[in-house]
Amino acid sequence: MIPFEKALPYDIVMGDIYVQECPFCGSEHVLLPMKPHEILSVREGKKKLLVFPCCHTRLTILDSDSDYLLTNTVVRK
């Protein structure tokens, strides 16, 4: 079962990856410094360090699917 408190929903728009809201500082429509091919490599088992550009908070992405990024940190309540 997926731990939803550690799942971060994302959208891909024209080759860019966005989250609706930063779970740490609350900024809206945050462009993540990732590309869609990196999501595929995470899905295949490679971990990815993600640094949010709005507040410089770091977390590790452990897995992904077509809607969510699974992280090592609680990002939702």
C-alpha atoms as a PDB file:
ATOM      1  CA  MET A   1       0.000   0.000   0.000  1.00  0.00           C
ATOM      2  CA  ILE A   2       1.272   3.472  -0.919  1.00  0.00           C
ATOM      3  CA  PRO A   3       1.879   5.739   2.106  1.00  0.00           C
ATOM      4  CA  PHE A   4      -0.062   8.805   0.918  1.00  0.00           C
ATOM      5  CA  GLU A   5       1.478  11.056   3.571  1.00  0.00           C
ATOM      6  CA  LYS A   6       4.767  10.620   1.670  1.00  0.00           C
ATOM      7  CA  ALA A   7       3.259  10.940  -1.826  1.00  0.00           C
ATOM      8  CA  LEU A   8       3.543  14.220  -3.707  1.00  0.00           C
ATOM      9  CA  PRO A   9       1.126  14.744  -6.624  1.00  0.00           C
ATOM     10  CA  TYR A  10       2.616  16.259  -9.769  1.00  0.00           C
ATOM     11  CA  ASP A  11       1.626  17.319 -13.293  1.00  0.00           C
ATOM     12  CA  ILE A  12       3.601  17.354 -16.527  1.00  0.00           C
ATOM     13  CA  VAL A  13       2.831  20.392 -18.699  1.00  0.00           C
ATOM     14  CA  MET A  14       4.693  20.777 -21.995  1.00  0.00           C
ATOM     15  CA  GLY A  15       7.716  18.824 -20.750  1.00  0.00           C
ATOM     16  CA  ASP A  16       7.943  20.586 -17.375  1.00  0.00           C
ATOM     17  CA  ILE A  17       7.016  19.050 -14.017  1.00  0.00           C
ATOM     18  CA  TYR A  18       4.910  21.082 -11.600  1.00  0.00           C
ATOM     19  CA  VAL A  19       3.430  20.563  -8.143  1.00  0.00           C
ATOM     20  CA  GLN A  20       0.312  22.511  -7.209  1.00  0.00           C
ATOM     21  CA  GLU A  21       1.734  23.662  -3.888  1.00  0.00           C
ATOM     22  CA  CYS A  22       5.068  23.359  -2.113  1.00  0.00           C
ATOM     23  CA  PRO A  23       4.494  21.190   0.978  1.00  0.00           C
ATOM     24  CA  PHE A  24       7.080  23.179   2.947  1.00  0.00           C
ATOM     25  CA  CYS A  25       6.573  26.894   2.202  1.00  0.00           C
ATOM     26  CA  GLY A  26       3.137  26.898   0.525  1.00  0.00           C
ATOM     27  CA  SER A  27       4.175  28.481  -2.788  1.00  0.00           C
ATOM     28  CA  GLU A  28       1.748  27.673  -5.592  1.00  0.00           C
ATOM     29  CA  HIS A  29       2.477  26.150  -9.024  1.00  0.00           C
ATOM     30  CA  VAL A  30       6.108  25.261  -8.329  1.00  0.00           C
ATOM     31  CA  LEU A  31       8.237  24.216 -11.309  1.00  0.00           C
ATOM     32  CA  LEU A  32      10.407  21.299 -10.217  1.00  0.00           C
ATOM     33  CA  PRO A  33      14.000  21.019 -11.464  1.00  0.00           C
ATOM     34  CA  MET A  34      13.295  17.645 -13.111  1.00  0.00           C
ATOM     35  CA  LYS A  35      12.493  16.361 -16.576  1.00  0.00           C
ATOM     36  CA  PRO A  36      10.061  13.565 -17.488  1.00  0.00           C
ATOM     37  CA  HIS A  37      12.882  11.131 -18.329  1.00  0.00           C
ATOM     38  CA  GLU A  38      14.099  11.458 -14.721  1.00  0.00           C
ATOM     39  CA  ILE A  39      10.689  10.303 -13.481  1.00  0.00           C
ATOM     40  CA  LEU A  40      11.087   7.189 -15.605  1.00  0.00           C
ATOM     41  CA  SER A  41      14.532   6.485 -14.128  1.00  0.00           C
ATOM     42  CA  VAL A  42      13.087   6.871 -10.605  1.00  0.00           C
ATOM     43  CA  ARG A  43      10.326   4.429 -11.538  1.00  0.00           C
ATOM     44  CA  GLU A  44      13.039   1.958 -12.594  1.00  0.00           C
ATOM     45  CA  GLY A  45      14.708   2.158  -9.155  1.00  0.00           C
ATOM     46  CA  LYS A  46      17.087   5.132  -9.215  1.00  0.00           C
ATOM     47  CA  LYS A  47      16.719   7.604  -6.312  1.00  0.00           C
ATOM     48  CA  LYS A  48      16.636  11.349  -7.046  1.00  0.00           C
ATOM     49  CA  LEU A  49      17.487  14.267  -4.774  1.00  0.00           C
ATOM     50  CA  LEU A  50      14.937  17.041  -5.293  1.00  0.00           C
ATOM     51  CA  VAL A  51      15.566  20.608  -4.140  1.00  0.00           C
ATOM     52  CA  PHE A  52      12.514  22.869  -4.228  1.00  0.00           C
ATOM     53  CA  PRO A  53      13.441  26.145  -5.960  1.00  0.00           C
ATOM     54  CA  CYS A  54      11.066  28.210  -3.800  1.00  0.00           C
ATOM     55  CA  CYS A  55      12.432  27.388  -0.334  1.00  0.00           C
ATOM     56  CA  HIS A  56      15.500  25.197  -1.045  1.00  0.00           C
ATOM     57  CA  THR A  57      14.123  22.309   1.008  1.00  0.00           C
ATOM     58  CA  ARG A  58      15.578  18.948   0.001  1.00  0.00           C
ATOM     59  CA  LEU A  59      13.943  15.539  -0.159  1.00  0.00           C
ATOM     60  CA  THR A  60      14.670  12.238  -1.870  1.00  0.00           C
ATOM     61  CA  ILE A  61      12.305  10.729  -4.420  1.00  0.00           C
ATOM     62  CA  LEU A  62      12.190   6.960  -3.979  1.00  0.00           C
ATOM     63  CA  ASP A  63       9.574   5.889  -6.545  1.00  0.00           C
ATOM     64  CA  SER A  64       6.999   7.325  -8.932  1.00  0.00           C
ATOM     65  CA  ASP A  65       3.918   6.538 -10.938  1.00  0.00           C
ATOM     66  CA  SER A  66       1.890   8.585 -13.407  1.00  0.00           C
ATOM     67  CA  ASP A  67       0.394  10.811 -10.683  1.00  0.00           C
ATOM     68  CA  TYR A  68       2.590  10.766  -7.557  1.00  0.00           C
ATOM     69  CA  LEU A  69       6.211  10.997  -6.467  1.00  0.00           C
ATOM     70  CA  LEU A  70       6.970   8.803  -3.440  1.00  0.00           C
ATOM     71  CA  THR A  71       9.373  10.623  -1.096  1.00  0.00           C
ATOM     72  CA  ASN A  72      11.330   9.796   2.048  1.00  0.00           C
ATOM     73  CA  THR A  73       9.695  12.687   3.928  1.00  0.00           C
ATOM     74  CA  VAL A  74       6.121  13.272   5.088  1.00  0.00           C
ATOM     75  CA  VAL A  75       4.732  15.902   2.694  1.00  0.00           C
ATOM     76  CA  ARG A  76       0.969  15.580   3.319  1.00  0.00           C
ATOM     77  CA  LYS A  77      -1.205  15.328   6.404  1.00  0.00           C
END
